[in-house]
Amino acid sequence: MNFVERVLLLRDSSSLQTFYLNCCVLSDGPHINTWIYAAIRHKIQSLMLRLSFEDINGLFVLPQRLFTCESLMDLDLQFFYDLKLPSVISFPSLKILTLVSVTFADHHLVQQLFSGNPFV
């Protein structure tokens, strides 16, 4: 278990206000979803994910649980190529959605991303 995992997994049960993750998929790939799951378990309110890839064809699948996170109020995704969206998307508390340099694998699900969020 690396340092980040220890901090996230062994901390108390208090909620996590902000989590900013800026990492490389090639070197941190096996840990990224673990870190996101830990943030969700701690009722994350603001999440910024900035992932870098070794090439433009990089692909990383975010956990489905992220797209139904009830506590999330601010989601910022940067540098995702062919982002795969799950069929169920529900962010009941989301007020801010920021997408920077994001392309989608399925353009039909993009509408669901926005329609499933009444405040966005």
PDB file of N, CA and C in Angstrom:
ATOM      1  N   MET A   1       0.850  -1.172   0.000  1.00  0.00           N
ATOM      2  CA  MET A   1       0.000   0.000   0.000  1.00  0.00           C
ATOM      3  C   MET A   1       0.901   1.242   0.000  1.00  0.00           C
ATOM      4  N   ASN A   2       0.657   2.155  -0.945  1.00  0.00           N
ATOM      5  CA  ASN A   2       1.491   3.353  -1.010  1.00  0.00           C
ATOM      6  C   ASN A   2       0.983   4.432  -0.050  1.00  0.00           C
ATOM      7  N   PHE A   3       1.690   5.519   0.029  1.00  0.00           N
ATOM      8  CA  PHE A   3       1.381   6.583   0.986  1.00  0.00           C
ATOM      9  C   PHE A   3      -0.022   7.149   0.785  1.00  0.00           C
ATOM     10  N   VAL A   4      -0.392   7.449  -0.450  1.00  0.00           N
ATOM     11  CA  VAL A   4      -1.711   8.041  -0.721  1.00  0.00           C
ATOM     12  C   VAL A   4      -2.813   7.085  -0.279  1.00  0.00           C
ATOM     13  N   GLU A   5      -2.680   5.805  -0.591  1.00  0.00           N
ATOM     14  CA  GLU A   5      -3.688   4.830  -0.176  1.00  0.00           C
ATOM     15  C   GLU A   5      -3.798   4.749   1.337  1.00  0.00           C
ATOM     16  N   ARG A   6      -2.676   4.766   2.024  1.00  0.00           N
ATOM     17  CA  ARG A   6      -2.717   4.721   3.496  1.00  0.00           C
ATOM     18  C   ARG A   6      -3.469   5.922   4.052  1.00  0.00           C
ATOM     19  N   VAL A   7      -3.172   7.093   3.540  1.00  0.00           N
ATOM     20  CA  VAL A   7      -3.833   8.308   4.032  1.00  0.00           C
ATOM     21  C   VAL A   7      -5.335   8.239   3.780  1.00  0.00           C
ATOM     22  N   LEU A   8      -5.734   7.831   2.582  1.00  0.00           N
ATOM     23  CA  LEU A   8      -7.155   7.804   2.233  1.00  0.00           C
ATOM     24  C   LEU A   8      -7.914   6.665   2.903  1.00  0.00           C
ATOM     25  N   LEU A   9      -7.318   5.503   2.960  1.00  0.00           N
ATOM     26  CA  LEU A   9      -8.026   4.337   3.477  1.00  0.00           C
ATOM     27  C   LEU A   9      -8.017   4.239   4.996  1.00  0.00           C
ATOM     28  N   LEU A  10      -7.017   4.824   5.637  1.00  0.00           N
ATOM     29  CA  LEU A  10      -6.908   4.689   7.086  1.00  0.00           C
ATOM     30  C   LEU A  10      -7.355   5.936   7.848  1.00  0.00           C
ATOM     31  N   ARG A  11      -7.858   6.928   7.150  1.00  0.00           N
ATOM     32  CA  ARG A  11      -8.297   8.151   7.828  1.00  0.00           C
ATOM     33  C   ARG A  11      -9.642   7.908   8.513  1.00  0.00           C
ATOM     34  N   ASP A  12     -10.039   8.859   9.359  1.00  0.00           N
ATOM     35  CA  ASP A  12     -11.310   8.694  10.067  1.00  0.00           C
ATOM     36  C   ASP A  12     -12.472   8.792   9.079  1.00  0.00           C
ATOM     37  N   SER A  13     -13.681   8.670   9.573  1.00  0.00           N
ATOM     38  CA  SER A  13     -14.850   8.611   8.696  1.00  0.00           C
ATOM     39  C   SER A  13     -15.410   9.985   8.328  1.00  0.00           C
ATOM     40  N   SER A  14     -14.727  11.048   8.681  1.00  0.00           N
ATOM     41  CA  SER A  14     -15.228  12.380   8.331  1.00  0.00           C
ATOM     42  C   SER A  14     -15.234  12.566   6.817  1.00  0.00           C
ATOM     43  N   SER A  15     -16.108  13.459   6.370  1.00  0.00           N
ATOM     44  CA  SER A  15     -16.234  13.665   4.931  1.00  0.00           C
ATOM     45  C   SER A  15     -15.008  14.378   4.369  1.00  0.00           C
ATOM     46  N   LEU A  16     -14.809  14.183   3.099  1.00  0.00           N
ATOM     47  CA  LEU A  16     -13.675  14.761   2.383  1.00  0.00           C
ATOM     48  C   LEU A  16     -14.221  15.880   1.508  1.00  0.00           C
ATOM     49  N   GLN A  17     -13.757  17.087   1.738  1.00  0.00           N
ATOM     50  CA  GLN A  17     -14.298  18.220   1.009  1.00  0.00           C
ATOM     51  C   GLN A  17     -13.779  18.283  -0.424  1.00  0.00           C
ATOM     52  N   THR A  18     -12.474  18.248  -0.610  1.00  0.00           N
ATOM     53  CA  THR A  18     -11.880  18.403  -1.934  1.00  0.00           C
ATOM     54  C   THR A  18     -10.785  17.368  -2.149  1.00  0.00           C
ATOM     55  N   PHE A  19     -10.775  16.795  -3.336  1.00  0.00           N
ATOM     56  CA  PHE A  19      -9.721  15.856  -3.707  1.00  0.00           C
ATOM     57  C   PHE A  19      -9.261  16.214  -5.108  1.00  0.00           C
ATOM     58  N   TYR A  20      -7.991  16.547  -5.232  1.00  0.00           N
ATOM     59  CA  TYR A  20      -7.389  16.917  -6.510  1.00  0.00           C
ATOM     60  C   TYR A  20      -6.367  15.857  -6.867  1.00  0.00           C
ATOM     61  N   LEU A  21      -6.565  15.223  -8.000  1.00  0.00           N
ATOM     62  CA  LEU A  21      -5.678  14.149  -8.426  1.00  0.00           C
ATOM     63  C   LEU A  21      -5.084  14.505  -9.782  1.00  0.00           C
ATOM     64  N   ASN A  22      -3.786  14.689  -9.803  1.00  0.00           N
ATOM     65  CA  ASN A  22      -3.056  15.009 -11.026  1.00  0.00           C
ATOM     66  C   ASN A  22      -1.968  13.953 -11.163  1.00  0.00           C
ATOM     67  N   CYS A  23      -2.168  13.000 -12.063  1.00  0.00           N
ATOM     68  CA  CYS A  23      -1.210  11.904 -12.151  1.00  0.00           C
ATOM     69  C   CYS A  23      -1.134  11.333 -13.561  1.00  0.00           C
ATOM     70  N   CYS A  24      -0.205  10.442 -13.742  1.00  0.00           N
ATOM     71  CA  CYS A  24       0.024   9.780 -15.026  1.00  0.00           C
ATOM     72  C   CYS A  24      -0.587   8.380 -14.978  1.00  0.00           C
ATOM     73  N   VAL A  25      -1.395   8.077 -15.969  1.00  0.00           N
ATOM     74  CA  VAL A  25      -2.052   6.774 -16.003  1.00  0.00           C
ATOM     75  C   VAL A  25      -1.037   5.640 -16.108  1.00  0.00           C
ATOM     76  N   LEU A  26       0.023   5.861 -16.849  1.00  0.00           N
ATOM     77  CA  LEU A  26       1.020   4.804 -17.033  1.00  0.00           C
ATOM     78  C   LEU A  26       1.644   4.369 -15.709  1.00  0.00           C
ATOM     79  N   SER A  27       2.010   5.324 -14.867  1.00  0.00           N
ATOM     80  CA  SER A  27       2.681   4.959 -13.612  1.00  0.00           C
ATOM     81  C   SER A  27       1.719   4.767 -12.441  1.00  0.00           C
ATOM     82  N   ASP A  28       0.594   5.479 -12.432  1.00  0.00           N
ATOM     83  CA  ASP A  28      -0.326   5.422 -11.293  1.00  0.00           C
ATOM     84  C   ASP A  28      -1.619   4.671 -11.594  1.00  0.00           C
ATOM     85  N   GLY A  29      -1.774   4.182 -12.811  1.00  0.00           N
ATOM     86  CA  GLY A  29      -3.004   3.539 -13.248  1.00  0.00           C
ATOM     87  C   GLY A  29      -3.618   2.543 -12.279  1.00  0.00           C
ATOM     88  N   PRO A  30      -2.835   1.606 -11.736  1.00  0.00           N
ATOM     89  CA  PRO A  30      -3.416   0.611 -10.833  1.00  0.00           C
ATOM     90  C   PRO A  30      -4.005   1.207  -9.548  1.00  0.00           C
ATOM     91  N   HIS A  31      -3.604   2.417  -9.183  1.00  0.00           N
ATOM     92  CA  HIS A  31      -4.045   3.011  -7.923  1.00  0.00           C
ATOM     93  C   HIS A  31      -5.179   4.024  -8.081  1.00  0.00           C
ATOM     94  N   ILE A  32      -5.374   4.547  -9.270  1.00  0.00           N
ATOM     95  CA  ILE A  32      -6.289   5.672  -9.464  1.00  0.00           C
ATOM     96  C   ILE A  32      -7.702   5.345  -9.004  1.00  0.00           C
ATOM     97  N   ASN A  33      -8.265   4.208  -9.425  1.00  0.00           N
ATOM     98  CA  ASN A  33      -9.627   3.873  -9.011  1.00  0.00           C
ATOM     99  C   ASN A  33      -9.723   3.636  -7.510  1.00  0.00           C
ATOM    100  N   THR A  34      -8.689   3.082  -6.897  1.00  0.00           N
ATOM    101  CA  THR A  34      -8.677   2.909  -5.442  1.00  0.00           C
ATOM    102  C   THR A  34      -8.779   4.259  -4.751  1.00  0.00           C
ATOM    103  N   TRP A  35      -8.039   5.242  -5.241  1.00  0.00           N
ATOM    104  CA  TRP A  35      -8.075   6.586  -4.662  1.00  0.00           C
ATOM    105  C   TRP A  35      -9.452   7.223  -4.857  1.00  0.00           C
ATOM    106  N   ILE A  36     -10.048   7.032  -6.035  1.00  0.00           N
ATOM    107  CA  ILE A  36     -11.379   7.595  -6.298  1.00  0.00           C
ATOM    108  C   ILE A  36     -12.418   6.929  -5.397  1.00  0.00           C
ATOM    109  N   TYR A  37     -12.370   5.607  -5.256  1.00  0.00           N
ATOM    110  CA  TYR A  37     -13.300   4.899  -4.368  1.00  0.00           C
ATOM    111  C   TYR A  37     -13.184   5.411  -2.932  1.00  0.00           C
ATOM    112  N   ALA A  38     -11.976   5.624  -2.478  1.00  0.00           N
ATOM    113  CA  ALA A  38     -11.775   6.133  -1.116  1.00  0.00           C
ATOM    114  C   ALA A  38     -12.395   7.513  -0.965  1.00  0.00           C
ATOM    115  N   ALA A  39     -12.238   8.358  -1.958  1.00  0.00           N
ATOM    116  CA  ALA A  39     -12.836   9.701  -1.910  1.00  0.00           C
ATOM    117  C   ALA A  39     -14.358   9.608  -1.878  1.00  0.00           C
ATOM    118  N   ILE A  40     -14.939   8.716  -2.656  1.00  0.00           N
ATOM    119  CA  ILE A  40     -16.396   8.542  -2.674  1.00  0.00           C
ATOM    120  C   ILE A  40     -16.887   8.039  -1.321  1.00  0.00           C
ATOM    121  N   ARG A  41     -16.175   7.085  -0.724  1.00  0.00           N
ATOM    122  CA  ARG A  41     -16.568   6.569   0.599  1.00  0.00           C
ATOM    123  C   ARG A  41     -16.564   7.663   1.657  1.00  0.00           C
ATOM    124  N   HIS A  42     -15.714   8.659   1.460  1.00  0.00           N
ATOM    125  CA  HIS A  42     -15.639   9.763   2.416  1.00  0.00           C
ATOM    126  C   HIS A  42     -16.497  10.947   1.987  1.00  0.00           C
ATOM    127  N   LYS A  43     -17.508  10.660   1.183  1.00  0.00           N
ATOM    128  CA  LYS A  43     -18.502  11.656   0.776  1.00  0.00           C
ATOM    129  C   LYS A  43     -17.861  12.907   0.169  1.00  0.00           C
ATOM    130  N   ILE A  44     -17.048  12.689  -0.835  1.00  0.00           N
ATOM    131  CA  ILE A  44     -16.347  13.769  -1.518  1.00  0.00           C
ATOM    132  C   ILE A  44     -17.335  14.803  -2.057  1.00  0.00           C
ATOM    133  N   GLN A  45     -16.991  16.079  -1.916  1.00  0.00           N
ATOM    134  CA  GLN A  45     -17.840  17.155  -2.422  1.00  0.00           C
ATOM    135  C   GLN A  45     -17.289  17.767  -3.704  1.00  0.00           C
ATOM    136  N   SER A  46     -15.976  17.873  -3.799  1.00  0.00           N
ATOM    137  CA  SER A  46     -15.351  18.473  -4.974  1.00  0.00           C
ATOM    138  C   SER A  46     -14.214  17.568  -5.440  1.00  0.00           C
ATOM    139  N   LEU A  47     -14.280  17.154  -6.700  1.00  0.00           N
ATOM    140  CA  LEU A  47     -13.290  16.223  -7.237  1.00  0.00           C
ATOM    141  C   LEU A  47     -12.739  16.758  -8.551  1.00  0.00           C
ATOM    142  N   MET A  48     -11.421  16.886  -8.611  1.00  0.00           N
ATOM    143  CA  MET A  48     -10.755  17.297  -9.847  1.00  0.00           C
ATOM    144  C   MET A  48      -9.802  16.193 -10.262  1.00  0.00           C
ATOM    145  N   LEU A  49     -10.012  15.659 -11.451  1.00  0.00           N
ATOM    146  CA  LEU A  49      -9.170  14.594 -11.983  1.00  0.00           C
ATOM    147  C   LEU A  49      -8.469  15.101 -13.230  1.00  0.00           C
ATOM    148  N   ARG A  50      -7.170  15.118 -13.167  1.00  0.00           N
ATOM    149  CA  ARG A  50      -6.359  15.518 -14.317  1.00  0.00           C
ATOM    150  C   ARG A  50      -5.385  14.383 -14.581  1.00  0.00           C
ATOM    151  N   LEU A  51      -5.686  13.610 -15.612  1.00  0.00           N
ATOM    152  CA  LEU A  51      -4.874  12.444 -15.924  1.00  0.00           C
ATOM    153  C   LEU A  51      -4.061  12.695 -17.179  1.00  0.00           C
ATOM    154  N   SER A  52      -2.813  12.321 -17.135  1.00  0.00           N
ATOM    155  CA  SER A  52      -1.973  12.433 -18.324  1.00  0.00           C
ATOM    156  C   SER A  52      -1.691  11.036 -18.861  1.00  0.00           C
ATOM    157  N   PHE A  53      -1.602  10.961 -20.164  1.00  0.00           N
ATOM    158  CA  PHE A  53      -1.363   9.705 -20.854  1.00  0.00           C
ATOM    159  C   PHE A  53      -0.055   9.821 -21.611  1.00  0.00           C
ATOM    160  N   GLU A  54       0.544   8.705 -21.901  1.00  0.00           N
ATOM    161  CA  GLU A  54       1.792   8.712 -22.660  1.00  0.00           C
ATOM    162  C   GLU A  54       1.551   9.030 -24.128  1.00  0.00           C
ATOM    163  N   ASP A  55       0.345   8.768 -24.613  1.00  0.00           N
ATOM    164  CA  ASP A  55       0.015   9.112 -25.994  1.00  0.00           C
ATOM    165  C   ASP A  55      -1.448   9.516 -26.063  1.00  0.00           C
ATOM    166  N   ILE A  56      -1.853  10.093 -27.177  1.00  0.00           N
ATOM    167  CA  ILE A  56      -3.211  10.614 -27.310  1.00  0.00           C
ATOM    168  C   ILE A  56      -4.260   9.509 -27.335  1.00  0.00           C
ATOM    169  N   ASN A  57      -3.856   8.265 -27.582  1.00  0.00           N
ATOM    170  CA  ASN A  57      -4.802   7.158 -27.608  1.00  0.00           C
ATOM    171  C   ASN A  57      -5.009   6.548 -26.227  1.00  0.00           C
ATOM    172  N   GLY A  58      -4.561   7.238 -25.206  1.00  0.00           N
ATOM    173  CA  GLY A  58      -4.700   6.726 -23.850  1.00  0.00           C
ATOM    174  C   GLY A  58      -6.155   6.515 -23.480  1.00  0.00           C
ATOM    175  N   LEU A  59      -6.409   5.466 -22.763  1.00  0.00           N
ATOM    176  CA  LEU A  59      -7.765   5.147 -22.346  1.00  0.00           C
ATOM    177  C   LEU A  59      -7.732   4.766 -20.879  1.00  0.00           C
ATOM    178  N   PHE A  60      -8.626   5.351 -20.130  1.00  0.00           N
ATOM    179  CA  PHE A  60      -8.756   5.004 -18.726  1.00  0.00           C
ATOM    180  C   PHE A  60     -10.240   5.000 -18.400  1.00  0.00           C
ATOM    181  N   VAL A  61     -10.730   3.960 -17.756  1.00  0.00           N
ATOM    182  CA  VAL A  61     -12.148   3.840 -17.434  1.00  0.00           C
ATOM    183  C   VAL A  61     -12.359   4.230 -15.980  1.00  0.00           C
ATOM    184  N   LEU A  62     -13.149   5.263 -15.778  1.00  0.00           N
ATOM    185  CA  LEU A  62     -13.480   5.697 -14.420  1.00  0.00           C
ATOM    186  C   LEU A  62     -14.489   4.737 -13.812  1.00  0.00           C
ATOM    187  N   PRO A  63     -14.471   4.573 -12.498  1.00  0.00           N
ATOM    188  CA  PRO A  63     -15.417   3.648 -11.868  1.00  0.00           C
ATOM    189  C   PRO A  63     -16.856   4.146 -12.001  1.00  0.00           C
ATOM    190  N   GLN A  64     -17.768   3.216 -12.249  1.00  0.00           N
ATOM    191  CA  GLN A  64     -19.180   3.572 -12.418  1.00  0.00           C
ATOM    192  C   GLN A  64     -19.723   4.275 -11.177  1.00  0.00           C
ATOM    193  N   ARG A  65     -19.237   3.886 -10.020  1.00  0.00           N
ATOM    194  CA  ARG A  65     -19.715   4.473  -8.764  1.00  0.00           C
ATOM    195  C   ARG A  65     -19.523   5.994  -8.730  1.00  0.00           C
ATOM    196  N   LEU A  66     -18.520   6.487  -9.440  1.00  0.00           N
ATOM    197  CA  LEU A  66     -18.296   7.929  -9.492  1.00  0.00           C
ATOM    198  C   LEU A  66     -19.495   8.648 -10.102  1.00  0.00           C
ATOM    199  N   PHE A  67     -20.133   8.027 -11.091  1.00  0.00           N
ATOM    200  CA  PHE A  67     -21.215   8.667 -11.825  1.00  0.00           C
ATOM    201  C   PHE A  67     -22.564   8.589 -11.114  1.00  0.00           C
ATOM    202  N   THR A  68     -22.583   8.049  -9.912  1.00  0.00           N
ATOM    203  CA  THR A  68     -23.793   8.042  -9.090  1.00  0.00           C
ATOM    204  C   THR A  68     -23.493   8.547  -7.679  1.00  0.00           C
ATOM    205  N   CYS A  69     -22.428   9.295  -7.543  1.00  0.00           N
ATOM    206  CA  CYS A  69     -21.996   9.799  -6.235  1.00  0.00           C
ATOM    207  C   CYS A  69     -22.967  10.877  -5.746  1.00  0.00           C
ATOM    208  N   GLU A  70     -23.611  10.625  -4.629  1.00  0.00           N
ATOM    209  CA  GLU A  70     -24.644  11.528  -4.112  1.00  0.00           C
ATOM    210  C   GLU A  70     -24.091  12.794  -3.481  1.00  0.00           C
ATOM    211  N   SER A  71     -22.886  12.760  -2.970  1.00  0.00           N
ATOM    212  CA  SER A  71     -22.337  13.919  -2.260  1.00  0.00           C
ATOM    213  C   SER A  71     -21.607  14.900  -3.176  1.00  0.00           C
ATOM    214  N   LEU A  72     -21.279  14.478  -4.383  1.00  0.00           N
ATOM    215  CA  LEU A  72     -20.450  15.281  -5.281  1.00  0.00           C
ATOM    216  C   LEU A  72     -21.179  16.539  -5.755  1.00  0.00           C
ATOM    217  N   MET A  73     -20.569  17.689  -5.497  1.00  0.00           N
ATOM    218  CA  MET A  73     -21.148  18.973  -5.896  1.00  0.00           C
ATOM    219  C   MET A  73     -20.373  19.627  -7.037  1.00  0.00           C
ATOM    220  N   ASP A  74     -19.113  19.276  -7.184  1.00  0.00           N
ATOM    221  CA  ASP A  74     -18.245  19.892  -8.189  1.00  0.00           C
ATOM    222  C   ASP A  74     -17.356  18.803  -8.784  1.00  0.00           C
ATOM    223  N   LEU A  75     -17.475  18.590 -10.089  1.00  0.00           N
ATOM    224  CA  LEU A  75     -16.670  17.580 -10.775  1.00  0.00           C
ATOM    225  C   LEU A  75     -15.919  18.249 -11.915  1.00  0.00           C
ATOM    226  N   ASP A  76     -14.615  18.067 -11.919  1.00  0.00           N
ATOM    227  CA  ASP A  76     -13.747  18.666 -12.927  1.00  0.00           C
ATOM    228  C   ASP A  76     -12.912  17.551 -13.549  1.00  0.00           C
ATOM    229  N   LEU A  77     -13.139  17.280 -14.826  1.00  0.00           N
ATOM    230  CA  LEU A  77     -12.402  16.245 -15.549  1.00  0.00           C
ATOM    231  C   LEU A  77     -11.551  16.909 -16.619  1.00  0.00           C
ATOM    232  N   GLN A  78     -10.265  16.578 -16.633  1.00  0.00           N
ATOM    233  CA  GLN A  78      -9.360  17.174 -17.611  1.00  0.00           C
ATOM    234  C   GLN A  78      -8.534  16.099 -18.302  1.00  0.00           C
ATOM    235  N   PHE A  79      -8.422  16.242 -19.594  1.00  0.00           N
ATOM    236  CA  PHE A  79      -7.569  15.398 -20.433  1.00  0.00           C
ATOM    237  C   PHE A  79      -7.999  13.935 -20.450  1.00  0.00           C
ATOM    238  N   PHE A  80      -9.255  13.702 -20.803  1.00  0.00           N
ATOM    239  CA  PHE A  80      -9.762  12.343 -20.977  1.00  0.00           C
ATOM    240  C   PHE A  80     -10.068  12.142 -22.452  1.00  0.00           C
ATOM    241  N   TYR A  81      -9.528  11.084 -23.028  1.00  0.00           N
ATOM    242  CA  TYR A  81      -9.774  10.756 -24.423  1.00  0.00           C
ATOM    243  C   TYR A  81     -10.673   9.537 -24.478  1.00  0.00           C
ATOM    244  N   ASP A  82     -11.751   9.652 -25.230  1.00  0.00           N
ATOM    245  CA  ASP A  82     -12.734   8.574 -25.356  1.00  0.00           C
ATOM    246  C   ASP A  82     -13.258   8.146 -23.986  1.00  0.00           C
ATOM    247  N   LEU A  83     -13.705   9.123 -23.218  1.00  0.00           N
ATOM    248  CA  LEU A  83     -14.268   8.853 -21.893  1.00  0.00           C
ATOM    249  C   LEU A  83     -15.501   7.972 -22.039  1.00  0.00           C
ATOM    250  N   LYS A  84     -15.487   6.858 -21.364  1.00  0.00           N
ATOM    251  CA  LYS A  84     -16.627   5.943 -21.396  1.00  0.00           C
ATOM    252  C   LYS A  84     -17.571   6.309 -20.258  1.00  0.00           C
ATOM    253  N   LEU A  85     -18.837   6.532 -20.619  1.00  0.00           N
ATOM    254  CA  LEU A  85     -19.850   6.863 -19.624  1.00  0.00           C
ATOM    255  C   LEU A  85     -20.717   5.640 -19.372  1.00  0.00           C
ATOM    256  N   PRO A  86     -21.092   5.403 -18.122  1.00  0.00           N
ATOM    257  CA  PRO A  86     -21.987   4.280 -17.828  1.00  0.00           C
ATOM    258  C   PRO A  86     -23.408   4.617 -18.285  1.00  0.00           C
ATOM    259  N   SER A  87     -24.262   3.607 -18.358  1.00  0.00           N
ATOM    260  CA  SER A  87     -25.640   3.844 -18.797  1.00  0.00           C
ATOM    261  C   SER A  87     -26.458   4.568 -17.735  1.00  0.00           C
ATOM    262  N   VAL A  88     -26.046   4.484 -16.471  1.00  0.00           N
ATOM    263  CA  VAL A  88     -26.746   5.182 -15.386  1.00  0.00           C
ATOM    264  C   VAL A  88     -25.853   6.306 -14.869  1.00  0.00           C
ATOM    265  N   ILE A  89     -26.359   7.528 -14.973  1.00  0.00           N
ATOM    266  CA  ILE A  89     -25.639   8.697 -14.486  1.00  0.00           C
ATOM    267  C   ILE A  89     -26.601   9.511 -13.640  1.00  0.00           C
ATOM    268  N   SER A  90     -26.230   9.746 -12.395  1.00  0.00           N
ATOM    269  CA  SER A  90     -27.088  10.515 -11.497  1.00  0.00           C
ATOM    270  C   SER A  90     -26.227  11.223 -10.458  1.00  0.00           C
ATOM    271  N   PHE A  91     -26.155  12.527 -10.592  1.00  0.00           N
ATOM    272  CA  PHE A  91     -25.439  13.362  -9.633  1.00  0.00           C
ATOM    273  C   PHE A  91     -26.464  14.282  -8.973  1.00  0.00           C
ATOM    274  N   PRO A  92     -27.176  13.835  -7.954  1.00  0.00           N
ATOM    275  CA  PRO A  92     -28.243  14.656  -7.380  1.00  0.00           C
ATOM    276  C   PRO A  92     -27.775  15.967  -6.762  1.00  0.00           C
ATOM    277  N   SER A  93     -26.522  16.061  -6.359  1.00  0.00           N
ATOM    278  CA  SER A  93     -26.027  17.277  -5.706  1.00  0.00           C
ATOM    279  C   SER A  93     -25.110  18.117  -6.593  1.00  0.00           C
ATOM    280  N   LEU A  94     -24.805  17.629  -7.793  1.00  0.00           N
ATOM    281  CA  LEU A  94     -23.825  18.303  -8.647  1.00  0.00           C
ATOM    282  C   LEU A  94     -24.314  19.682  -9.087  1.00  0.00           C
ATOM    283  N   LYS A  95     -23.472  20.686  -8.868  1.00  0.00           N
ATOM    284  CA  LYS A  95     -23.790  22.050  -9.271  1.00  0.00           C
ATOM    285  C   LYS A  95     -22.808  22.572 -10.317  1.00  0.00           C
ATOM    286  N   ILE A  96     -21.589  22.036 -10.330  1.00  0.00           N
ATOM    287  CA  ILE A  96     -20.566  22.494 -11.267  1.00  0.00           C
ATOM    288  C   ILE A  96     -19.947  21.280 -11.960  1.00  0.00           C
ATOM    289  N   LEU A  97     -19.967  21.306 -13.283  1.00  0.00           N
ATOM    290  CA  LEU A  97     -19.328  20.269 -14.084  1.00  0.00           C
ATOM    291  C   LEU A  97     -18.376  20.960 -15.052  1.00  0.00           C
ATOM    292  N   THR A  98     -17.090  20.647 -14.936  1.00  0.00           N
ATOM    293  CA  THR A  98     -16.078  21.242 -15.802  1.00  0.00           C
ATOM    294  C   THR A  98     -15.425  20.136 -16.619  1.00  0.00           C
ATOM    295  N   LEU A  99     -15.408  20.318 -17.926  1.00  0.00           N
ATOM    296  CA  LEU A  99     -14.788  19.360 -18.835  1.00  0.00           C
ATOM    297  C   LEU A  99     -13.756  20.105 -19.672  1.00  0.00           C
ATOM    298  N   VAL A 100     -12.500  19.707 -19.560  1.00  0.00           N
ATOM    299  CA  VAL A 100     -11.411  20.340 -20.305  1.00  0.00           C
ATOM    300  C   VAL A 100     -10.690  19.261 -21.107  1.00  0.00           C
ATOM    301  N   SER A 101     -10.631  19.431 -22.405  1.00  0.00           N
ATOM    302  CA  SER A 101      -9.957  18.467 -23.292  1.00  0.00           C
ATOM    303  C   SER A 101     -10.483  17.054 -23.074  1.00  0.00           C
ATOM    304  N   VAL A 102     -11.811  16.914 -23.130  1.00  0.00           N
ATOM    305  CA  VAL A 102     -12.465  15.625 -22.937  1.00  0.00           C
ATOM    306  C   VAL A 102     -13.187  15.248 -24.225  1.00  0.00           C
ATOM    307  N   THR A 103     -12.966  14.036 -24.695  1.00  0.00           N
ATOM    308  CA  THR A 103     -13.752  13.490 -25.795  1.00  0.00           C
ATOM    309  C   THR A 103     -14.485  12.265 -25.263  1.00  0.00           C
ATOM    310  N   PHE A 104     -15.605  11.941 -25.887  1.00  0.00           N
ATOM    311  CA  PHE A 104     -16.454  10.868 -25.386  1.00  0.00           C
ATOM    312  C   PHE A 104     -16.476   9.689 -26.346  1.00  0.00           C
ATOM    313  N   ALA A 105     -16.472   8.496 -25.786  1.00  0.00           N
ATOM    314  CA  ALA A 105     -16.512   7.273 -26.582  1.00  0.00           C
ATOM    315  C   ALA A 105     -17.895   7.066 -27.190  1.00  0.00           C
ATOM    316  N   ASP A 106     -18.949   7.460 -26.482  1.00  0.00           N
ATOM    317  CA  ASP A 106     -20.328   7.272 -26.942  1.00  0.00           C
ATOM    318  C   ASP A 106     -21.060   8.602 -26.813  1.00  0.00           C
ATOM    319  N   HIS A 107     -21.275   9.255 -27.939  1.00  0.00           N
ATOM    320  CA  HIS A 107     -21.891  10.580 -27.919  1.00  0.00           C
ATOM    321  C   HIS A 107     -23.362  10.542 -27.502  1.00  0.00           C
ATOM    322  N   HIS A 108     -24.011   9.388 -27.606  1.00  0.00           N
ATOM    323  CA  HIS A 108     -25.406   9.280 -27.195  1.00  0.00           C
ATOM    324  C   HIS A 108     -25.555   9.397 -25.676  1.00  0.00           C
ATOM    325  N   LEU A 109     -24.546   8.973 -24.936  1.00  0.00           N
ATOM    326  CA  LEU A 109     -24.616   9.043 -23.479  1.00  0.00           C
ATOM    327  C   LEU A 109     -24.252  10.424 -22.935  1.00  0.00           C
ATOM    328  N   VAL A 110     -23.668  11.266 -23.769  1.00  0.00           N
ATOM    329  CA  VAL A 110     -23.305  12.615 -23.323  1.00  0.00           C
ATOM    330  C   VAL A 110     -24.548  13.387 -22.912  1.00  0.00           C
ATOM    331  N   GLN A 111     -25.632  13.241 -23.676  1.00  0.00           N
ATOM    332  CA  GLN A 111     -26.883  13.917 -23.330  1.00  0.00           C
ATOM    333  C   GLN A 111     -27.362  13.471 -21.953  1.00  0.00           C
ATOM    334  N   GLN A 112     -27.197  12.206 -21.637  1.00  0.00           N
ATOM    335  CA  GLN A 112     -27.600  11.700 -20.324  1.00  0.00           C
ATOM    336  C   GLN A 112     -26.749  12.316 -19.215  1.00  0.00           C
ATOM    337  N   LEU A 113     -25.497  12.575 -19.508  1.00  0.00           N
ATOM    338  CA  LEU A 113     -24.616  13.209 -18.530  1.00  0.00           C
ATOM    339  C   LEU A 113     -25.194  14.549 -18.086  1.00  0.00           C
ATOM    340  N   PHE A 114     -25.694  15.317 -19.043  1.00  0.00           N
ATOM    341  CA  PHE A 114     -26.235  16.633 -18.712  1.00  0.00           C
ATOM    342  C   PHE A 114     -27.685  16.567 -18.239  1.00  0.00           C
ATOM    343  N   SER A 115     -28.492  15.694 -18.804  1.00  0.00           N
ATOM    344  CA  SER A 115     -29.900  15.636 -18.417  1.00  0.00           C
ATOM    345  C   SER A 115     -30.098  15.002 -17.045  1.00  0.00           C
ATOM    346  N   GLY A 116     -29.147  14.203 -16.587  1.00  0.00           N
ATOM    347  CA  GLY A 116     -29.263  13.567 -15.278  1.00  0.00           C
ATOM    348  C   GLY A 116     -28.844  14.464 -14.132  1.00  0.00           C
ATOM    349  N   ASN A 117     -28.551  15.719 -14.446  1.00  0.00           N
ATOM    350  CA  ASN A 117     -28.069  16.655 -13.439  1.00  0.00           C
ATOM    351  C   ASN A 117     -28.864  17.950 -13.520  1.00  0.00           C
ATOM    352  N   PRO A 118     -29.873  18.099 -12.685  1.00  0.00           N
ATOM    353  CA  PRO A 118     -30.774  19.248 -12.802  1.00  0.00           C
ATOM    354  C   PRO A 118     -30.116  20.604 -12.584  1.00  0.00           C
ATOM    355  N   PHE A 119     -29.003  20.667 -11.887  1.00  0.00           N
ATOM    356  CA  PHE A 119     -28.391  21.960 -11.571  1.00  0.00           C
ATOM    357  C   PHE A 119     -27.263  22.348 -12.518  1.00  0.00           C
ATOM    358  N   VAL A 120     -26.862  21.430 -13.389  1.00  0.00           N
ATOM    359  CA  VAL A 120     -25.742  21.721 -14.300  1.00  0.00           C
ATOM    360  C   VAL A 120     -26.261  22.454 -15.515  1.00  0.00           C
TER     361      VAL A 120
END
